[in-house]
Amino acid sequence: MPAALPSNPTVRTVLREARTALHNLYGDRLKRIVVFGSQARGDAHADSDIDLAIVLMPPVDAYAESQRTSDLVVNMAIRYGVALSMLHLSTKEFANTQHALIRTLHEEGITL
């Protein structure tokens, strides 16, 4: 995985706050947070969203986890004017590199 976080100060602040909030929300269940997409590749624009893969100990119900993190997503949008897109995965799903998206997470993603 690449090591460089996005250089945009607002994005860096959002990532730092999101990491703290997710650690507080999930505790030991949270195994990894991976930034992916344009922010990780370094080709983000001012209006690009921030894609995060949230890797959790199973079981993971993507709908329930999206509901659980919705306040965080809304708060970041209101406070910083950025859109957070979260993909909730189990550790087992994250290990399945036969899936193209998971392979991309491993190849291009930045672990927070």
N, C-alpha and C. Protein backbone atom coordinates (compact mmCIF):
# COMPACT_ATOMS: atom_id res chain seq x y z
N MET A 1 0.83 -1.18 0.00
CA MET A 1 0.00 0.00 0.00
C MET A 1 0.88 1.25 0.00
N PRO A 2 0.43 2.30 -0.70
CA PRO A 2 1.16 3.56 -0.65
C PRO A 2 1.17 4.10 0.77
N ALA A 3 2.13 4.97 1.07
CA ALA A 3 2.27 5.45 2.43
C ALA A 3 1.86 6.90 2.61
N ALA A 4 1.74 7.68 1.55
CA ALA A 4 1.52 9.11 1.66
C ALA A 4 0.05 9.46 1.79
N LEU A 5 -0.27 10.18 2.87
CA LEU A 5 -1.63 10.67 3.05
C LEU A 5 -1.86 11.85 2.11
N PRO A 6 -3.11 12.14 1.77
CA PRO A 6 -3.39 13.31 0.93
C PRO A 6 -2.82 14.58 1.57
N SER A 7 -2.36 15.50 0.74
CA SER A 7 -1.72 16.72 1.25
C SER A 7 -2.72 17.82 1.60
N ASN A 8 -3.95 17.73 1.14
CA ASN A 8 -4.96 18.74 1.42
C ASN A 8 -5.21 18.81 2.93
N PRO A 9 -5.03 19.99 3.56
CA PRO A 9 -5.18 20.08 5.01
C PRO A 9 -6.58 19.73 5.51
N THR A 10 -7.61 20.08 4.76
CA THR A 10 -8.97 19.74 5.17
C THR A 10 -9.18 18.24 5.14
N VAL A 11 -8.70 17.60 4.10
CA VAL A 11 -8.82 16.14 3.99
C VAL A 11 -8.06 15.47 5.13
N ARG A 12 -6.88 15.97 5.44
CA ARG A 12 -6.09 15.39 6.54
C ARG A 12 -6.83 15.53 7.87
N THR A 13 -7.46 16.67 8.09
CA THR A 13 -8.23 16.88 9.32
C THR A 13 -9.41 15.93 9.39
N VAL A 14 -10.13 15.79 8.28
CA VAL A 14 -11.27 14.88 8.23
C VAL A 14 -10.82 13.45 8.51
N LEU A 15 -9.71 13.04 7.91
CA LEU A 15 -9.21 11.68 8.13
C LEU A 15 -8.83 11.46 9.59
N ARG A 16 -8.19 12.44 10.19
CA ARG A 16 -7.79 12.32 11.59
C ARG A 16 -9.03 12.20 12.49
N GLU A 17 -10.01 13.07 12.26
CA GLU A 17 -11.23 13.04 13.07
C GLU A 17 -12.05 11.78 12.83
N ALA A 18 -12.12 11.34 11.59
CA ALA A 18 -12.85 10.11 11.28
C ALA A 18 -12.19 8.92 11.94
N ARG A 19 -10.86 8.86 11.90
CA ARG A 19 -10.15 7.75 12.53
C ARG A 19 -10.46 7.70 14.03
N THR A 20 -10.40 8.85 14.69
CA THR A 20 -10.70 8.90 16.12
C THR A 20 -12.14 8.47 16.40
N ALA A 21 -13.07 9.00 15.62
CA ALA A 21 -14.49 8.66 15.82
C ALA A 21 -14.75 7.18 15.60
N LEU A 22 -14.13 6.60 14.57
CA LEU A 22 -14.33 5.18 14.28
C LEU A 22 -13.71 4.30 15.36
N HIS A 23 -12.55 4.70 15.88
CA HIS A 23 -11.95 3.95 17.00
C HIS A 23 -12.86 4.00 18.22
N ASN A 24 -13.42 5.17 18.49
CA ASN A 24 -14.34 5.31 19.63
C ASN A 24 -15.61 4.49 19.42
N LEU A 25 -16.11 4.45 18.21
CA LEU A 25 -17.34 3.74 17.90
C LEU A 25 -17.17 2.22 17.95
N TYR A 26 -16.07 1.73 17.38
CA TYR A 26 -15.91 0.28 17.20
C TYR A 26 -14.95 -0.37 18.19
N GLY A 27 -14.07 0.37 18.80
CA GLY A 27 -13.12 -0.22 19.73
C GLY A 27 -12.29 -1.31 19.08
N ASP A 28 -12.17 -2.45 19.77
CA ASP A 28 -11.33 -3.56 19.29
C ASP A 28 -11.88 -4.23 18.03
N ARG A 29 -13.14 -3.99 17.71
CA ARG A 29 -13.71 -4.57 16.49
C ARG A 29 -13.09 -3.97 15.23
N LEU A 30 -12.62 -2.74 15.34
CA LEU A 30 -12.02 -2.05 14.19
C LEU A 30 -10.60 -2.56 13.97
N LYS A 31 -10.35 -3.12 12.81
CA LYS A 31 -9.03 -3.68 12.52
C LYS A 31 -8.22 -2.82 11.56
N ARG A 32 -8.89 -2.05 10.72
CA ARG A 32 -8.15 -1.24 9.75
C ARG A 32 -9.09 -0.21 9.13
N ILE A 33 -8.53 0.95 8.81
CA ILE A 33 -9.21 1.97 8.02
C ILE A 33 -8.32 2.24 6.83
N VAL A 34 -8.87 2.12 5.64
CA VAL A 34 -8.08 2.30 4.42
C VAL A 34 -8.70 3.40 3.57
N VAL A 35 -7.89 4.41 3.25
CA VAL A 35 -8.30 5.45 2.31
C VAL A 35 -8.04 4.90 0.92
N PHE A 36 -9.04 5.02 0.03
CA PHE A 36 -8.84 4.53 -1.34
C PHE A 36 -9.46 5.51 -2.32
N GLY A 37 -9.39 5.21 -3.58
CA GLY A 37 -9.95 6.08 -4.60
C GLY A 37 -9.02 7.25 -4.90
N SER A 38 -9.60 8.33 -5.38
CA SER A 38 -8.80 9.47 -5.86
C SER A 38 -7.94 10.08 -4.77
N GLN A 39 -8.40 10.09 -3.52
CA GLN A 39 -7.59 10.66 -2.44
C GLN A 39 -6.32 9.84 -2.23
N ALA A 40 -6.40 8.54 -2.35
CA ALA A 40 -5.23 7.67 -2.18
C ALA A 40 -4.31 7.72 -3.39
N ARG A 41 -4.90 7.84 -4.57
CA ARG A 41 -4.09 7.88 -5.80
C ARG A 41 -3.41 9.22 -6.01
N GLY A 42 -3.90 10.25 -5.33
CA GLY A 42 -3.32 11.57 -5.49
C GLY A 42 -3.90 12.36 -6.65
N ASP A 43 -5.03 11.92 -7.20
CA ASP A 43 -5.63 12.67 -8.30
C ASP A 43 -7.00 13.25 -7.92
N ALA A 44 -7.18 13.53 -6.63
CA ALA A 44 -8.44 14.11 -6.15
C ALA A 44 -8.54 15.57 -6.55
N HIS A 45 -9.77 16.01 -6.74
CA HIS A 45 -10.07 17.41 -7.03
C HIS A 45 -10.70 18.02 -5.79
N ALA A 46 -10.94 19.32 -5.82
CA ALA A 46 -11.51 20.01 -4.66
C ALA A 46 -12.85 19.42 -4.23
N ASP A 47 -13.62 18.91 -5.18
CA ASP A 47 -14.94 18.37 -4.83
C ASP A 47 -14.97 16.85 -4.75
N SER A 48 -13.82 16.22 -4.73
CA SER A 48 -13.76 14.75 -4.63
C SER A 48 -14.19 14.28 -3.25
N ASP A 49 -14.84 13.13 -3.21
CA ASP A 49 -15.21 12.56 -1.92
C ASP A 49 -14.00 11.87 -1.31
N ILE A 50 -14.18 11.42 -0.09
CA ILE A 50 -13.14 10.66 0.62
C ILE A 50 -13.68 9.25 0.81
N ASP A 51 -13.05 8.29 0.15
CA ASP A 51 -13.47 6.89 0.23
C ASP A 51 -12.70 6.20 1.35
N LEU A 52 -13.44 5.56 2.25
CA LEU A 52 -12.82 4.82 3.35
C LEU A 52 -13.36 3.40 3.38
N ALA A 53 -12.46 2.44 3.47
CA ALA A 53 -12.84 1.06 3.75
C ALA A 53 -12.65 0.85 5.25
N ILE A 54 -13.71 0.42 5.90
CA ILE A 54 -13.70 0.18 7.34
C ILE A 54 -13.69 -1.33 7.52
N VAL A 55 -12.56 -1.86 8.00
CA VAL A 55 -12.40 -3.31 8.14
C VAL A 55 -12.66 -3.69 9.60
N LEU A 56 -13.66 -4.55 9.78
CA LEU A 56 -14.12 -4.92 11.12
C LEU A 56 -14.07 -6.43 11.34
N MET A 57 -13.97 -6.80 12.60
CA MET A 57 -14.14 -8.20 12.95
C MET A 57 -15.58 -8.60 12.64
N PRO A 58 -15.78 -9.81 12.11
CA PRO A 58 -17.14 -10.26 11.79
C PRO A 58 -17.96 -10.48 13.07
N PRO A 59 -19.27 -10.50 12.90
CA PRO A 59 -20.01 -10.35 11.66
C PRO A 59 -20.14 -8.88 11.27
N VAL A 60 -20.27 -8.62 9.98
CA VAL A 60 -20.45 -7.26 9.47
C VAL A 60 -21.71 -7.23 8.61
N ASP A 61 -22.65 -6.44 9.04
CA ASP A 61 -23.87 -6.17 8.27
C ASP A 61 -23.69 -4.77 7.69
N ALA A 62 -23.41 -4.69 6.40
CA ALA A 62 -23.07 -3.41 5.76
C ALA A 62 -24.15 -2.35 5.99
N TYR A 63 -25.41 -2.74 5.91
CA TYR A 63 -26.49 -1.78 6.13
C TYR A 63 -26.47 -1.24 7.56
N ALA A 64 -26.36 -2.14 8.53
CA ALA A 64 -26.35 -1.72 9.93
C ALA A 64 -25.14 -0.84 10.23
N GLU A 65 -23.99 -1.18 9.66
CA GLU A 65 -22.79 -0.38 9.89
C GLU A 65 -22.92 0.99 9.22
N SER A 66 -23.56 1.05 8.07
CA SER A 66 -23.79 2.35 7.41
C SER A 66 -24.68 3.23 8.29
N GLN A 67 -25.69 2.63 8.88
CA GLN A 67 -26.55 3.37 9.80
C GLN A 67 -25.75 3.85 11.02
N ARG A 68 -24.90 2.99 11.52
CA ARG A 68 -24.10 3.31 12.70
C ARG A 68 -23.15 4.48 12.45
N THR A 69 -22.64 4.60 11.24
CA THR A 69 -21.67 5.65 10.93
C THR A 69 -22.30 6.86 10.24
N SER A 70 -23.61 6.86 10.07
CA SER A 70 -24.25 7.95 9.33
C SER A 70 -24.08 9.32 10.00
N ASP A 71 -24.11 9.38 11.32
CA ASP A 71 -23.90 10.67 11.99
C ASP A 71 -22.52 11.23 11.69
N LEU A 72 -21.52 10.38 11.68
CA LEU A 72 -20.16 10.81 11.36
C LEU A 72 -20.10 11.38 9.94
N VAL A 73 -20.71 10.69 9.00
CA VAL A 73 -20.71 11.13 7.60
C VAL A 73 -21.38 12.50 7.48
N VAL A 74 -22.53 12.66 8.12
CA VAL A 74 -23.26 13.92 8.07
C VAL A 74 -22.47 15.04 8.74
N ASN A 75 -21.90 14.76 9.91
CA ASN A 75 -21.12 15.78 10.62
C ASN A 75 -19.94 16.28 9.80
N MET A 76 -19.24 15.37 9.13
CA MET A 76 -18.10 15.78 8.31
C MET A 76 -18.56 16.63 7.12
N ALA A 77 -19.70 16.29 6.56
CA ALA A 77 -20.23 17.06 5.43
C ALA A 77 -20.60 18.47 5.88
N ILE A 78 -21.23 18.58 7.04
CA ILE A 78 -21.63 19.89 7.54
C ILE A 78 -20.42 20.72 7.96
N ARG A 79 -19.52 20.13 8.71
CA ARG A 79 -18.38 20.88 9.25
C ARG A 79 -17.33 21.23 8.21
N TYR A 80 -17.07 20.32 7.28
CA TYR A 80 -15.95 20.52 6.36
C TYR A 80 -16.34 20.58 4.89
N GLY A 81 -17.60 20.34 4.58
CA GLY A 81 -18.03 20.40 3.20
C GLY A 81 -17.47 19.28 2.33
N VAL A 82 -17.18 18.14 2.95
CA VAL A 82 -16.66 16.99 2.20
C VAL A 82 -17.60 15.80 2.38
N ALA A 83 -17.62 14.97 1.36
CA ALA A 83 -18.44 13.76 1.41
C ALA A 83 -17.55 12.58 1.76
N LEU A 84 -17.95 11.85 2.78
CA LEU A 84 -17.28 10.60 3.15
C LEU A 84 -18.09 9.45 2.58
N SER A 85 -17.44 8.54 1.91
CA SER A 85 -18.07 7.31 1.44
C SER A 85 -17.40 6.16 2.16
N MET A 86 -18.18 5.37 2.88
CA MET A 86 -17.61 4.28 3.66
C MET A 86 -18.06 2.93 3.14
N LEU A 87 -17.10 2.05 3.02
CA LEU A 87 -17.32 0.66 2.64
C LEU A 87 -16.98 -0.18 3.85
N HIS A 88 -17.96 -0.87 4.41
CA HIS A 88 -17.75 -1.69 5.61
C HIS A 88 -17.50 -3.13 5.20
N LEU A 89 -16.36 -3.67 5.63
CA LEU A 89 -15.95 -5.02 5.26
C LEU A 89 -15.54 -5.80 6.50
N SER A 90 -15.72 -7.11 6.43
CA SER A 90 -15.18 -7.97 7.48
C SER A 90 -13.71 -8.25 7.16
N THR A 91 -12.99 -8.72 8.15
CA THR A 91 -11.59 -9.08 7.92
C THR A 91 -11.49 -10.17 6.86
N LYS A 92 -12.46 -11.07 6.84
CA LYS A 92 -12.47 -12.15 5.84
C LYS A 92 -12.67 -11.57 4.44
N GLU A 93 -13.60 -10.64 4.30
CA GLU A 93 -13.82 -10.01 2.99
C GLU A 93 -12.59 -9.25 2.53
N PHE A 94 -11.94 -8.55 3.45
CA PHE A 94 -10.75 -7.77 3.11
C PHE A 94 -9.60 -8.67 2.68
N ALA A 95 -9.57 -9.88 3.16
CA ALA A 95 -8.51 -10.83 2.79
C ALA A 95 -8.73 -11.46 1.43
N ASN A 96 -9.93 -11.36 0.87
CA ASN A 96 -10.26 -12.00 -0.40
C ASN A 96 -9.81 -11.15 -1.58
N THR A 97 -8.55 -11.27 -1.94
CA THR A 97 -7.98 -10.43 -3.00
C THR A 97 -8.36 -10.90 -4.40
N GLN A 98 -9.20 -11.92 -4.51
CA GLN A 98 -9.69 -12.32 -5.83
C GLN A 98 -10.74 -11.32 -6.33
N HIS A 99 -11.33 -10.56 -5.43
CA HIS A 99 -12.31 -9.54 -5.80
C HIS A 99 -11.54 -8.28 -6.24
N ALA A 100 -11.91 -7.71 -7.38
CA ALA A 100 -11.16 -6.58 -7.96
C ALA A 100 -11.09 -5.38 -7.02
N LEU A 101 -12.18 -5.04 -6.36
CA LEU A 101 -12.16 -3.89 -5.47
C LEU A 101 -11.23 -4.13 -4.29
N ILE A 102 -11.24 -5.31 -3.75
CA ILE A 102 -10.37 -5.63 -2.62
C ILE A 102 -8.91 -5.58 -3.05
N ARG A 103 -8.63 -6.08 -4.23
CA ARG A 103 -7.27 -6.01 -4.78
C ARG A 103 -6.82 -4.55 -4.88
N THR A 104 -7.70 -3.70 -5.36
CA THR A 104 -7.39 -2.27 -5.47
C THR A 104 -7.12 -1.66 -4.10
N LEU A 105 -7.90 -2.05 -3.11
CA LEU A 105 -7.66 -1.55 -1.74
C LEU A 105 -6.25 -1.90 -1.28
N HIS A 106 -5.83 -3.12 -1.56
CA HIS A 106 -4.50 -3.57 -1.15
C HIS A 106 -3.40 -2.87 -1.96
N GLU A 107 -3.64 -2.65 -3.24
CA GLU A 107 -2.62 -2.07 -4.11
C GLU A 107 -2.50 -0.56 -3.98
N GLU A 108 -3.63 0.14 -3.86
CA GLU A 108 -3.62 1.60 -3.90
C GLU A 108 -3.98 2.26 -2.58
N GLY A 109 -4.56 1.50 -1.66
CA GLY A 109 -5.07 2.10 -0.43
C GLY A 109 -3.99 2.56 0.52
N ILE A 110 -4.37 3.50 1.37
CA ILE A 110 -3.49 4.03 2.42
C ILE A 110 -4.13 3.69 3.76
N THR A 111 -3.44 2.92 4.57
CA THR A 111 -3.96 2.57 5.89
C THR A 111 -3.73 3.71 6.86
N LEU A 112 -4.81 4.09 7.56
CA LEU A 112 -4.69 5.13 8.58
C LEU A 112 -4.21 4.54 9.89
